[in-house]
Amino acid sequence: MAIKQRGVAAGRAYLERIGHEALEPERAPTPSGIDILSIDGDILVATLVRVRQRPAEDALASGRTLDAALRAITDYRDGHATQRQAVRVDVISIIVLAEDRALLRHYRGERSG
């Protein structure tokens, strides 16, 4: 499995552990540029997953990327007649330490609307 796919799977498992309802792509196709779509209480959350090989590379997504994700999740919400009014963009940054070890950092609410 590619490193990005493993990172998205780890991010999805983490979000479910902290109480998000991660939506499966078959149930809710993920808008372009968004890695995980989930529900946190009454908030529809778009999560971007960034996987890095070295700590020096640990950087959040650019402002443009976050703004694009916010537009995508807002369009998704508006097009799917969801009851949830609030949307949020989170970022999960994963630094791979070894084949079976990684550090995960969750940045909540990098953009919201």
PDB file of N, CA and C in Angstrom:
ATOM      1  N   MET A   1       0.851  -1.178   0.000  1.00  0.00           N
ATOM      2  CA  MET A   1       0.000   0.000   0.000  1.00  0.00           C
ATOM      3  C   MET A   1       0.898   1.244   0.000  1.00  0.00           C
ATOM      4  N   ALA A   2       0.568   2.210  -0.811  1.00  0.00           N
ATOM      5  CA  ALA A   2       1.345   3.436  -0.912  1.00  0.00           C
ATOM      6  C   ALA A   2       1.288   4.218   0.394  1.00  0.00           C
ATOM      7  N   ILE A   3       2.317   5.019   0.629  1.00  0.00           N
ATOM      8  CA  ILE A   3       2.425   5.756   1.890  1.00  0.00           C
ATOM      9  C   ILE A   3       1.234   6.697   2.100  1.00  0.00           C
ATOM     10  N   LYS A   4       0.756   7.348   1.053  1.00  0.00           N
ATOM     11  CA  LYS A   4      -0.393   8.258   1.183  1.00  0.00           C
ATOM     12  C   LYS A   4      -1.641   7.474   1.578  1.00  0.00           C
ATOM     13  N   GLN A   5      -1.879   6.326   0.939  1.00  0.00           N
ATOM     14  CA  GLN A   5      -3.044   5.499   1.271  1.00  0.00           C
ATOM     15  C   GLN A   5      -2.977   5.014   2.711  1.00  0.00           C
ATOM     16  N   ARG A   6      -1.798   4.626   3.156  1.00  0.00           N
ATOM     17  CA  ARG A   6      -1.635   4.194   4.550  1.00  0.00           C
ATOM     18  C   ARG A   6      -1.900   5.351   5.498  1.00  0.00           C
ATOM     19  N   GLY A   7      -1.437   6.554   5.130  1.00  0.00           N
ATOM     20  CA  GLY A   7      -1.678   7.730   5.959  1.00  0.00           C
ATOM     21  C   GLY A   7      -3.156   8.064   6.060  1.00  0.00           C
ATOM     22  N   VAL A   8      -3.879   7.965   4.945  1.00  0.00           N
ATOM     23  CA  VAL A   8      -5.318   8.241   4.958  1.00  0.00           C
ATOM     24  C   VAL A   8      -6.032   7.198   5.811  1.00  0.00           C
ATOM     25  N   ALA A   9      -5.636   5.935   5.695  1.00  0.00           N
ATOM     26  CA  ALA A   9      -6.248   4.880   6.515  1.00  0.00           C
ATOM     27  C   ALA A   9      -5.984   5.127   8.003  1.00  0.00           C
ATOM     28  N   ALA A  10      -4.762   5.533   8.337  1.00  0.00           N
ATOM     29  CA  ALA A  10      -4.424   5.836   9.739  1.00  0.00           C
ATOM     30  C   ALA A  10      -5.208   7.053  10.223  1.00  0.00           C
ATOM     31  N   GLY A  11      -5.338   8.071   9.372  1.00  0.00           N
ATOM     32  CA  GLY A  11      -6.113   9.260   9.729  1.00  0.00           C
ATOM     33  C   GLY A  11      -7.578   8.936   9.958  1.00  0.00           C
ATOM     34  N   ARG A  12      -8.144   8.097   9.107  1.00  0.00           N
ATOM     35  CA  ARG A  12      -9.544   7.678   9.253  1.00  0.00           C
ATOM     36  C   ARG A  12      -9.744   6.922  10.572  1.00  0.00           C
ATOM     37  N   ALA A  13      -8.839   5.995  10.870  1.00  0.00           N
ATOM     38  CA  ALA A  13      -8.935   5.224  12.122  1.00  0.00           C
ATOM     39  C   ALA A  13      -8.827   6.148  13.332  1.00  0.00           C
ATOM     40  N   TYR A  14      -7.911   7.119  13.273  1.00  0.00           N
ATOM     41  CA  TYR A  14      -7.758   8.083  14.368  1.00  0.00           C
ATOM     42  C   TYR A  14      -9.045   8.884  14.571  1.00  0.00           C
ATOM     43  N   LEU A  15      -9.608   9.411  13.479  1.00  0.00           N
ATOM     44  CA  LEU A  15     -10.832  10.209  13.591  1.00  0.00           C
ATOM     45  C   LEU A  15     -11.972   9.399  14.192  1.00  0.00           C
ATOM     46  N   GLU A  16     -12.080   8.140  13.800  1.00  0.00           N
ATOM     47  CA  GLU A  16     -13.128   7.299  14.378  1.00  0.00           C
ATOM     48  C   GLU A  16     -12.888   7.064  15.865  1.00  0.00           C
ATOM     49  N   ARG A  17     -11.620   6.917  16.270  1.00  0.00           N
ATOM     50  CA  ARG A  17     -11.311   6.738  17.695  1.00  0.00           C
ATOM     51  C   ARG A  17     -11.704   7.949  18.523  1.00  0.00           C
ATOM     52  N   ILE A  18     -11.607   9.151  17.959  1.00  0.00           N
ATOM     53  CA  ILE A  18     -11.950  10.352  18.734  1.00  0.00           C
ATOM     54  C   ILE A  18     -13.415  10.749  18.565  1.00  0.00           C
ATOM     55  N   GLY A  19     -14.213   9.899  17.905  1.00  0.00           N
ATOM     56  CA  GLY A  19     -15.645  10.127  17.868  1.00  0.00           C
ATOM     57  C   GLY A  19     -16.236  10.638  16.571  1.00  0.00           C
ATOM     58  N   HIS A  20     -15.425  10.830  15.539  1.00  0.00           N
ATOM     59  CA  HIS A  20     -15.986  11.232  14.242  1.00  0.00           C
ATOM     60  C   HIS A  20     -16.667  10.033  13.598  1.00  0.00           C
ATOM     61  N   GLU A  21     -17.666  10.312  12.791  1.00  0.00           N
ATOM     62  CA  GLU A  21     -18.252   9.279  11.945  1.00  0.00           C
ATOM     63  C   GLU A  21     -17.657   9.485  10.559  1.00  0.00           C
ATOM     64  N   ALA A  22     -16.658   8.677  10.223  1.00  0.00           N
ATOM     65  CA  ALA A  22     -16.015   8.794   8.917  1.00  0.00           C
ATOM     66  C   ALA A  22     -16.959   8.227   7.868  1.00  0.00           C
ATOM     67  N   LEU A  23     -17.243   9.020   6.843  1.00  0.00           N
ATOM     68  CA  LEU A  23     -18.147   8.588   5.779  1.00  0.00           C
ATOM     69  C   LEU A  23     -17.356   7.810   4.741  1.00  0.00           C
ATOM     70  N   GLU A  24     -17.883   6.683   4.349  1.00  0.00           N
ATOM     71  CA  GLU A  24     -17.228   5.859   3.340  1.00  0.00           C
ATOM     72  C   GLU A  24     -17.434   6.493   1.968  1.00  0.00           C
ATOM     73  N   PRO A  25     -16.440   6.398   1.089  1.00  0.00           N
ATOM     74  CA  PRO A  25     -16.571   7.008  -0.244  1.00  0.00           C
ATOM     75  C   PRO A  25     -17.806   6.551  -1.018  1.00  0.00           C
ATOM     76  N   GLU A  26     -18.256   5.308  -0.794  1.00  0.00           N
ATOM     77  CA  GLU A  26     -19.446   4.832  -1.499  1.00  0.00           C
ATOM     78  C   GLU A  26     -20.704   5.576  -1.035  1.00  0.00           C
ATOM     79  N   ARG A  27     -20.728   5.919   0.244  1.00  0.00           N
ATOM     80  CA  ARG A  27     -21.890   6.611   0.820  1.00  0.00           C
ATOM     81  C   ARG A  27     -21.853   8.109   0.522  1.00  0.00           C
ATOM     82  N   ALA A  28     -20.664   8.663   0.563  1.00  0.00           N
ATOM     83  CA  ALA A  28     -20.501  10.099   0.327  1.00  0.00           C
ATOM     84  C   ALA A  28     -19.201  10.306  -0.436  1.00  0.00           C
ATOM     85  N   PRO A  29     -19.275  10.361  -1.766  1.00  0.00           N
ATOM     86  CA  PRO A  29     -18.045  10.559  -2.536  1.00  0.00           C
ATOM     87  C   PRO A  29     -17.283  11.790  -2.052  1.00  0.00           C
ATOM     88  N   THR A  30     -16.004  11.624  -1.816  1.00  0.00           N
ATOM     89  CA  THR A  30     -15.189  12.697  -1.266  1.00  0.00           C
ATOM     90  C   THR A  30     -14.886  13.739  -2.343  1.00  0.00           C
ATOM     91  N   PRO A  31     -15.157  15.003  -2.063  1.00  0.00           N
ATOM     92  CA  PRO A  31     -14.835  16.061  -3.026  1.00  0.00           C
ATOM     93  C   PRO A  31     -13.342  16.079  -3.345  1.00  0.00           C
ATOM     94  N   SER A  32     -13.009  16.514  -4.523  1.00  0.00           N
ATOM     95  CA  SER A  32     -11.619  16.578  -4.976  1.00  0.00           C
ATOM     96  C   SER A  32     -10.745  17.350  -3.996  1.00  0.00           C
ATOM     97  N   GLY A  33      -9.573  16.800  -3.695  1.00  0.00           N
ATOM     98  CA  GLY A  33      -8.629  17.466  -2.812  1.00  0.00           C
ATOM     99  C   GLY A  33      -8.837  17.182  -1.340  1.00  0.00           C
ATOM    100  N   ILE A  34      -9.909  16.488  -0.991  1.00  0.00           N
ATOM    101  CA  ILE A  34     -10.197  16.165   0.408  1.00  0.00           C
ATOM    102  C   ILE A  34      -9.961  14.670   0.592  1.00  0.00           C
ATOM    103  N   ASP A  35      -9.211  14.321   1.625  1.00  0.00           N
ATOM    104  CA  ASP A  35      -8.864  12.921   1.833  1.00  0.00           C
ATOM    105  C   ASP A  35      -9.902  12.144   2.634  1.00  0.00           C
ATOM    106  N   ILE A  36     -10.507  12.784   3.634  1.00  0.00           N
ATOM    107  CA  ILE A  36     -11.490  12.109   4.483  1.00  0.00           C
ATOM    108  C   ILE A  36     -12.653  13.065   4.721  1.00  0.00           C
ATOM    109  N   LEU A  37     -13.850  12.549   4.583  1.00  0.00           N
ATOM    110  CA  LEU A  37     -15.056  13.297   4.882  1.00  0.00           C
ATOM    111  C   LEU A  37     -15.678  12.639   6.111  1.00  0.00           C
ATOM    112  N   SER A  38     -15.975  13.448   7.150  1.00  0.00           N
ATOM    113  CA  SER A  38     -16.515  12.874   8.379  1.00  0.00           C
ATOM    114  C   SER A  38     -17.506  13.836   9.019  1.00  0.00           C
ATOM    115  N   ILE A  39     -18.169  13.308  10.053  1.00  0.00           N
ATOM    116  CA  ILE A  39     -19.111  14.117  10.818  1.00  0.00           C
ATOM    117  C   ILE A  39     -18.628  14.144  12.257  1.00  0.00           C
ATOM    118  N   ASP A  40     -18.504  15.347  12.803  1.00  0.00           N
ATOM    119  CA  ASP A  40     -18.087  15.551  14.195  1.00  0.00           C
ATOM    120  C   ASP A  40     -19.222  16.297  14.884  1.00  0.00           C
ATOM    121  N   GLY A  41     -20.083  15.552  15.571  1.00  0.00           N
ATOM    122  CA  GLY A  41     -21.267  16.176  16.169  1.00  0.00           C
ATOM    123  C   GLY A  41     -22.205  16.639  15.074  1.00  0.00           C
ATOM    124  N   ASP A  42     -22.408  17.943  14.965  1.00  0.00           N
ATOM    125  CA  ASP A  42     -23.255  18.508  13.910  1.00  0.00           C
ATOM    126  C   ASP A  42     -22.442  19.176  12.811  1.00  0.00           C
ATOM    127  N   ILE A  43     -21.162  18.917  12.766  1.00  0.00           N
ATOM    128  CA  ILE A  43     -20.280  19.586  11.812  1.00  0.00           C
ATOM    129  C   ILE A  43     -19.801  18.596  10.758  1.00  0.00           C
ATOM    130  N   LEU A  44     -19.904  18.992   9.498  1.00  0.00           N
ATOM    131  CA  LEU A  44     -19.353  18.217   8.398  1.00  0.00           C
ATOM    132  C   LEU A  44     -17.887  18.610   8.265  1.00  0.00           C
ATOM    133  N   VAL A  45     -16.986  17.633   8.351  1.00  0.00           N
ATOM    134  CA  VAL A  45     -15.553  17.917   8.401  1.00  0.00           C
ATOM    135  C   VAL A  45     -14.848  17.351   7.171  1.00  0.00           C
ATOM    136  N   ALA A  46     -14.064  18.201   6.523  1.00  0.00           N
ATOM    137  CA  ALA A  46     -13.182  17.780   5.438  1.00  0.00           C
ATOM    138  C   ALA A  46     -11.778  17.718   6.026  1.00  0.00           C
ATOM    139  N   THR A  47     -11.127  16.575   5.885  1.00  0.00           N
ATOM    140  CA  THR A  47      -9.786  16.427   6.440  1.00  0.00           C
ATOM    141  C   THR A  47      -8.785  16.195   5.324  1.00  0.00           C
ATOM    142  N   LEU A  48      -7.727  16.981   5.357  1.00  0.00           N
ATOM    143  CA  LEU A  48      -6.595  16.798   4.448  1.00  0.00           C
ATOM    144  C   LEU A  48      -5.528  16.029   5.210  1.00  0.00           C
ATOM    145  N   VAL A  49      -4.960  15.011   4.597  1.00  0.00           N
ATOM    146  CA  VAL A  49      -3.912  14.219   5.236  1.00  0.00           C
ATOM    147  C   VAL A  49      -2.597  14.513   4.539  1.00  0.00           C
ATOM    148  N   ARG A  50      -1.602  14.907   5.326  1.00  0.00           N
ATOM    149  CA  ARG A  50      -0.262  15.180   4.817  1.00  0.00           C
ATOM    150  C   ARG A  50       0.686  14.162   5.429  1.00  0.00           C
ATOM    151  N   VAL A  51       1.348  13.385   4.585  1.00  0.00           N
ATOM    152  CA  VAL A  51       2.270  12.360   5.056  1.00  0.00           C
ATOM    153  C   VAL A  51       3.680  12.773   4.658  1.00  0.00           C
ATOM    154  N   ARG A  52       4.581  12.761   5.634  1.00  0.00           N
ATOM    155  CA  ARG A  52       5.961  13.166   5.415  1.00  0.00           C
ATOM    156  C   ARG A  52       6.913  12.076   5.888  1.00  0.00           C
ATOM    157  N   GLN A  53       8.082  12.034   5.296  1.00  0.00           N
ATOM    158  CA  GLN A  53       9.097  11.041   5.662  1.00  0.00           C
ATOM    159  C   GLN A  53      10.066  11.566   6.715  1.00  0.00           C
ATOM    160  N   ARG A  54      10.227  12.896   6.786  1.00  0.00           N
ATOM    161  CA  ARG A  54      11.177  13.481   7.732  1.00  0.00           C
ATOM    162  C   ARG A  54      10.509  14.617   8.504  1.00  0.00           C
ATOM    163  N   PRO A  55      10.869  14.782   9.785  1.00  0.00           N
ATOM    164  CA  PRO A  55      10.265  15.859  10.592  1.00  0.00           C
ATOM    165  C   PRO A  55      10.447  17.249   9.998  1.00  0.00           C
ATOM    166  N   ALA A  56      11.542  17.493   9.325  1.00  0.00           N
ATOM    167  CA  ALA A  56      11.779  18.817   8.749  1.00  0.00           C
ATOM    168  C   ALA A  56      10.736  19.162   7.691  1.00  0.00           C
ATOM    169  N   GLU A  57      10.064  18.155   7.161  1.00  0.00           N
ATOM    170  CA  GLU A  57       9.057  18.372   6.131  1.00  0.00           C
ATOM    171  C   GLU A  57       7.669  18.633   6.710  1.00  0.00           C
ATOM    172  N   ASP A  58       7.529  18.597   8.037  1.00  0.00           N
ATOM    173  CA  ASP A  58       6.213  18.735   8.655  1.00  0.00           C
ATOM    174  C   ASP A  58       5.680  20.148   8.452  1.00  0.00           C
ATOM    175  N   ALA A  59       4.793  20.289   7.488  1.00  0.00           N
ATOM    176  CA  ALA A  59       4.216  21.595   7.186  1.00  0.00           C
ATOM    177  C   ALA A  59       2.732  21.429   6.898  1.00  0.00           C
ATOM    178  N   LEU A  60       1.962  22.393   7.326  1.00  0.00           N
ATOM    179  CA  LEU A  60       0.537  22.376   7.030  1.00  0.00           C
ATOM    180  C   LEU A  60       0.301  22.667   5.559  1.00  0.00           C
ATOM    181  N   ALA A  61      -0.914  22.461   5.142  1.00  0.00           N
ATOM    182  CA  ALA A  61      -1.308  22.786   3.785  1.00  0.00           C
ATOM    183  C   ALA A  61      -1.276  24.300   3.608  1.00  0.00           C
ATOM    184  N   SER A  62      -1.098  24.735   2.372  1.00  0.00           N
ATOM    185  CA  SER A  62      -1.066  26.171   2.096  1.00  0.00           C
ATOM    186  C   SER A  62      -2.451  26.780   2.288  1.00  0.00           C
ATOM    187  N   GLY A  63      -2.477  28.085   2.432  1.00  0.00           N
ATOM    188  CA  GLY A  63      -3.747  28.795   2.572  1.00  0.00           C
ATOM    189  C   GLY A  63      -4.659  28.560   1.386  1.00  0.00           C
ATOM    190  N   ARG A  64      -4.083  28.510   0.191  1.00  0.00           N
ATOM    191  CA  ARG A  64      -4.883  28.250  -1.015  1.00  0.00           C
ATOM    192  C   ARG A  64      -5.523  26.868  -0.965  1.00  0.00           C
ATOM    193  N   THR A  65      -4.733  25.890  -0.527  1.00  0.00           N
ATOM    194  CA  THR A  65      -5.247  24.522  -0.427  1.00  0.00           C
ATOM    195  C   THR A  65      -6.377  24.450   0.586  1.00  0.00           C
ATOM    196  N   LEU A  66      -6.207  25.109   1.730  1.00  0.00           N
ATOM    197  CA  LEU A  66      -7.249  25.118   2.752  1.00  0.00           C
ATOM    198  C   LEU A  66      -8.503  25.833   2.253  1.00  0.00           C
ATOM    199  N   ASP A  67      -8.332  26.949   1.563  1.00  0.00           N
ATOM    200  CA  ASP A  67      -9.475  27.674   1.014  1.00  0.00           C
ATOM    201  C   ASP A  67     -10.207  26.834  -0.029  1.00  0.00           C
ATOM    202  N   ALA A  68      -9.450  26.124  -0.872  1.00  0.00           N
ATOM    203  CA  ALA A  68     -10.057  25.253  -1.885  1.00  0.00           C
ATOM    204  C   ALA A  68     -10.840  24.125  -1.218  1.00  0.00           C
ATOM    205  N   ALA A  69     -10.291  23.562  -0.142  1.00  0.00           N
ATOM    206  CA  ALA A  69     -10.984  22.494   0.587  1.00  0.00           C
ATOM    207  C   ALA A  69     -12.269  23.033   1.224  1.00  0.00           C
ATOM    208  N   LEU A  70     -12.222  24.248   1.755  1.00  0.00           N
ATOM    209  CA  LEU A  70     -13.423  24.849   2.349  1.00  0.00           C
ATOM    210  C   LEU A  70     -14.493  25.070   1.276  1.00  0.00           C
ATOM    211  N   ARG A  71     -14.090  25.545   0.107  1.00  0.00           N
ATOM    212  CA  ARG A  71     -15.055  25.718  -0.991  1.00  0.00           C
ATOM    213  C   ARG A  71     -15.648  24.369  -1.403  1.00  0.00           C
ATOM    214  N   ALA A  72     -14.792  23.345  -1.497  1.00  0.00           N
ATOM    215  CA  ALA A  72     -15.259  22.019  -1.915  1.00  0.00           C
ATOM    216  C   ALA A  72     -16.246  21.439  -0.905  1.00  0.00           C
ATOM    217  N   ILE A  73     -15.946  21.560   0.381  1.00  0.00           N
ATOM    218  CA  ILE A  73     -16.836  20.991   1.396  1.00  0.00           C
ATOM    219  C   ILE A  73     -18.138  21.795   1.484  1.00  0.00           C
ATOM    220  N   THR A  74     -18.078  23.089   1.284  1.00  0.00           N
ATOM    221  CA  THR A  74     -19.285  23.916   1.280  1.00  0.00           C
ATOM    222  C   THR A  74     -20.155  23.561   0.083  1.00  0.00           C
ATOM    223  N   ASP A  75     -19.550  23.405  -1.099  1.00  0.00           N
ATOM    224  CA  ASP A  75     -20.305  22.991  -2.287  1.00  0.00           C
ATOM    225  C   ASP A  75     -20.910  21.611  -2.091  1.00  0.00           C
ATOM    226  N   TYR A  76     -20.143  20.716  -1.477  1.00  0.00           N
ATOM    227  CA  TYR A  76     -20.640  19.364  -1.205  1.00  0.00           C
ATOM    228  C   TYR A  76     -21.865  19.431  -0.295  1.00  0.00           C
ATOM    229  N   ARG A  77     -21.754  20.194   0.790  1.00  0.00           N
ATOM    230  CA  ARG A  77     -22.874  20.339   1.729  1.00  0.00           C
ATOM    231  C   ARG A  77     -24.100  20.896   1.014  1.00  0.00           C
ATOM    232  N   ASP A  78     -23.906  21.943   0.231  1.00  0.00           N
ATOM    233  CA  ASP A  78     -25.027  22.581  -0.451  1.00  0.00           C
ATOM    234  C   ASP A  78     -25.656  21.663  -1.487  1.00  0.00           C
ATOM    235  N   GLY A  79     -24.856  20.813  -2.128  1.00  0.00           N
ATOM    236  CA  GLY A  79     -25.360  19.928  -3.169  1.00  0.00           C
ATOM    237  C   GLY A  79     -25.988  18.650  -2.653  1.00  0.00           C
ATOM    238  N   HIS A  80     -25.767  18.324  -1.376  1.00  0.00           N
ATOM    239  CA  HIS A  80     -26.284  17.067  -0.842  1.00  0.00           C
ATOM    240  C   HIS A  80     -27.381  17.272   0.198  1.00  0.00           C
ATOM    241  N   ALA A  81     -27.891  18.486   0.295  1.00  0.00           N
ATOM    242  CA  ALA A  81     -29.026  18.794   1.182  1.00  0.00           C
ATOM    243  C   ALA A  81     -28.854  18.199   2.572  1.00  0.00           C
ATOM    244  N   THR A  82     -27.666  18.322   3.114  1.00  0.00           N
ATOM    245  CA  THR A  82     -27.421  17.812   4.459  1.00  0.00           C
ATOM    246  C   THR A  82     -28.019  18.755   5.493  1.00  0.00           C
ATOM    247  N   GLN A  83     -28.402  18.226   6.626  1.00  0.00           N
ATOM    248  CA  GLN A  83     -28.956  19.026   7.707  1.00  0.00           C
ATOM    249  C   GLN A  83     -27.875  19.827   8.419  1.00  0.00           C
ATOM    250  N   ARG A  84     -26.635  19.446   8.249  1.00  0.00           N
ATOM    251  CA  ARG A  84     -25.541  20.106   8.954  1.00  0.00           C
ATOM    252  C   ARG A  84     -25.216  21.442   8.286  1.00  0.00           C
ATOM    253  N   GLN A  85     -25.284  22.496   9.045  1.00  0.00           N
ATOM    254  CA  GLN A  85     -25.009  23.816   8.501  1.00  0.00           C
ATOM    255  C   GLN A  85     -23.523  24.168   8.553  1.00  0.00           C
ATOM    256  N   ALA A  86     -22.845  23.719   9.593  1.00  0.00           N
ATOM    257  CA  ALA A  86     -21.448  24.089   9.785  1.00  0.00           C
ATOM    258  C   ALA A  86     -20.525  23.124   9.065  1.00  0.00           C
ATOM    259  N   VAL A  87     -19.450  23.667   8.527  1.00  0.00           N
ATOM    260  CA  VAL A  87     -18.402  22.854   7.911  1.00  0.00           C
ATOM    261  C   VAL A  87     -17.065  23.286   8.492  1.00  0.00           C
ATOM    262  N   ARG A  88     -16.114  22.356   8.474  1.00  0.00           N
ATOM    263  CA  ARG A  88     -14.790  22.646   9.022  1.00  0.00           C
ATOM    264  C   ARG A  88     -13.759  21.887   8.195  1.00  0.00           C
ATOM    265  N   VAL A  89     -12.588  22.494   8.057  1.00  0.00           N
ATOM    266  CA  VAL A  89     -11.470  21.828   7.388  1.00  0.00           C
ATOM    267  C   VAL A  89     -10.390  21.571   8.431  1.00  0.00           C
ATOM    268  N   ASP A  90     -10.017  20.307   8.569  1.00  0.00           N
ATOM    269  CA  ASP A  90      -8.941  19.896   9.469  1.00  0.00           C
ATOM    270  C   ASP A  90      -7.770  19.383   8.636  1.00  0.00           C
ATOM    271  N   VAL A  91      -6.613  19.339   9.270  1.00  0.00           N
ATOM    272  CA  VAL A  91      -5.420  18.763   8.637  1.00  0.00           C
ATOM    273  C   VAL A  91      -4.832  17.744   9.603  1.00  0.00           C
ATOM    274  N   ILE A  92      -4.515  16.571   9.084  1.00  0.00           N
ATOM    275  CA  ILE A  92      -3.783  15.576   9.851  1.00  0.00           C
ATOM    276  C   ILE A  92      -2.410  15.465   9.209  1.00  0.00           C
ATOM    277  N   SER A  93      -1.389  15.720  10.005  1.00  0.00           N
ATOM    278  CA  SER A  93      -0.004  15.628   9.544  1.00  0.00           C
ATOM    279  C   SER A  93       0.618  14.382  10.159  1.00  0.00           C
ATOM    280  N   ILE A  94       1.162  13.524   9.309  1.00  0.00           N
ATOM    281  CA  ILE A  94       1.759  12.277   9.761  1.00  0.00           C
ATOM    282  C   ILE A  94       3.226  12.256   9.356  1.00  0.00           C
ATOM    283  N   ILE A  95       4.088  12.014  10.326  1.00  0.00           N
ATOM    284  CA  ILE A  95       5.518  11.853  10.051  1.00  0.00           C
ATOM    285  C   ILE A  95       5.850  10.381  10.251  1.00  0.00           C
ATOM    286  N   VAL A  96       6.294   9.740   9.192  1.00  0.00           N
ATOM    287  CA  VAL A  96       6.629   8.318   9.246  1.00  0.00           C
ATOM    288  C   VAL A  96       8.019   8.164   9.861  1.00  0.00           C
ATOM    289  N   LEU A  97       8.084   7.402  10.953  1.00  0.00           N
ATOM    290  CA  LEU A  97       9.356   7.165  11.637  1.00  0.00           C
ATOM    291  C   LEU A  97       9.992   5.848  11.194  1.00  0.00           C
ATOM    292  N   ALA A  98       9.174   4.842  11.001  1.00  0.00           N
ATOM    293  CA  ALA A  98       9.632   3.520  10.568  1.00  0.00           C
ATOM    294  C   ALA A  98       8.447   2.840   9.899  1.00  0.00           C
ATOM    295  N   GLU A  99       8.671   1.653   9.408  1.00  0.00           N
ATOM    296  CA  GLU A  99       7.600   0.919   8.720  1.00  0.00           C
ATOM    297  C   GLU A  99       6.342   0.790   9.579  1.00  0.00           C
ATOM    298  N   ASP A 100       6.515   0.636  10.887  1.00  0.00           N
ATOM    299  CA  ASP A 100       5.376   0.422  11.769  1.00  0.00           C
ATOM    300  C   ASP A 100       5.190   1.520  12.818  1.00  0.00           C
ATOM    301  N   ARG A 101       5.853   2.674  12.625  1.00  0.00           N
ATOM    302  CA  ARG A 101       5.742   3.768  13.602  1.00  0.00           C
ATOM    303  C   ARG A 101       5.603   5.103  12.898  1.00  0.00           C
ATOM    304  N   ALA A 102       4.736   5.941  13.470  1.00  0.00           N
ATOM    305  CA  ALA A 102       4.535   7.277  12.907  1.00  0.00           C
ATOM    306  C   ALA A 102       4.013   8.201  13.997  1.00  0.00           C
ATOM    307  N   LEU A 103       4.219   9.481  13.795  1.00  0.00           N
ATOM    308  CA  LEU A 103       3.643  10.505  14.665  1.00  0.00           C
ATOM    309  C   LEU A 103       2.497  11.169  13.911  1.00  0.00           C
ATOM    310  N   LEU A 104       1.388  11.382  14.597  1.00  0.00           N
ATOM    311  CA  LEU A 104       0.219  11.990  13.979  1.00  0.00           C
ATOM    312  C   LEU A 104      -0.128  13.261  14.748  1.00  0.00           C
ATOM    313  N   ARG A 105      -0.363  14.332  14.031  1.00  0.00           N
ATOM    314  CA  ARG A 105      -0.786  15.596  14.645  1.00  0.00           C
ATOM    315  C   ARG A 105      -2.061  16.054  13.940  1.00  0.00           C
ATOM    316  N   HIS A 106      -3.069  16.405  14.737  1.00  0.00           N
ATOM    317  CA  HIS A 106      -4.370  16.793  14.203  1.00  0.00           C
ATOM    318  C   HIS A 106      -4.570  18.297  14.421  1.00  0.00           C
ATOM    319  N   TYR A 107      -4.698  19.022  13.339  1.00  0.00           N
ATOM    320  CA  TYR A 107      -4.975  20.465  13.405  1.00  0.00           C
ATOM    321  C   TYR A 107      -6.461  20.656  13.117  1.00  0.00           C
ATOM    322  N   ARG A 108      -7.219  21.027  14.138  1.00  0.00           N
ATOM    323  CA  ARG A 108      -8.668  21.182  14.002  1.00  0.00           C
ATOM    324  C   ARG A 108      -9.033  22.602  13.605  1.00  0.00           C
ATOM    325  N   GLY A 109      -9.983  22.705  12.703  1.00  0.00           N
ATOM    326  CA  GLY A 109     -10.550  24.001  12.357  1.00  0.00           C
ATOM    327  C   GLY A 109      -9.590  24.945  11.669  1.00  0.00           C
ATOM    328  N   GLU A 110      -8.795  24.434  10.754  1.00  0.00           N
ATOM    329  CA  GLU A 110      -7.895  25.306  10.015  1.00  0.00           C
ATOM    330  C   GLU A 110      -8.694  26.287   9.150  1.00  0.00           C
ATOM    331  N   ARG A 111      -9.852  25.880   8.719  1.00  0.00           N
ATOM    332  CA  ARG A 111     -10.798  26.763   8.038  1.00  0.00           C
ATOM    333  C   ARG A 111     -12.197  26.286   8.438  1.00  0.00           C
ATOM    334  N   SER A 112     -13.127  27.200   8.568  1.00  0.00           N
ATOM    335  CA  SER A 112     -14.501  26.802   8.888  1.00  0.00           C
ATOM    336  C   SER A 112     -15.487  27.785   8.282  1.00  0.00           C
ATOM    337  N   GLY A 113     -16.723  27.327   8.188  1.00  0.00           N
ATOM    338  CA  GLY A 113     -17.739  28.192   7.592  1.00  0.00           C
ATOM    339  C   GLY A 113     -19.124  27.751   7.963  1.00  0.00           C
TER     340      GLY A 113
END
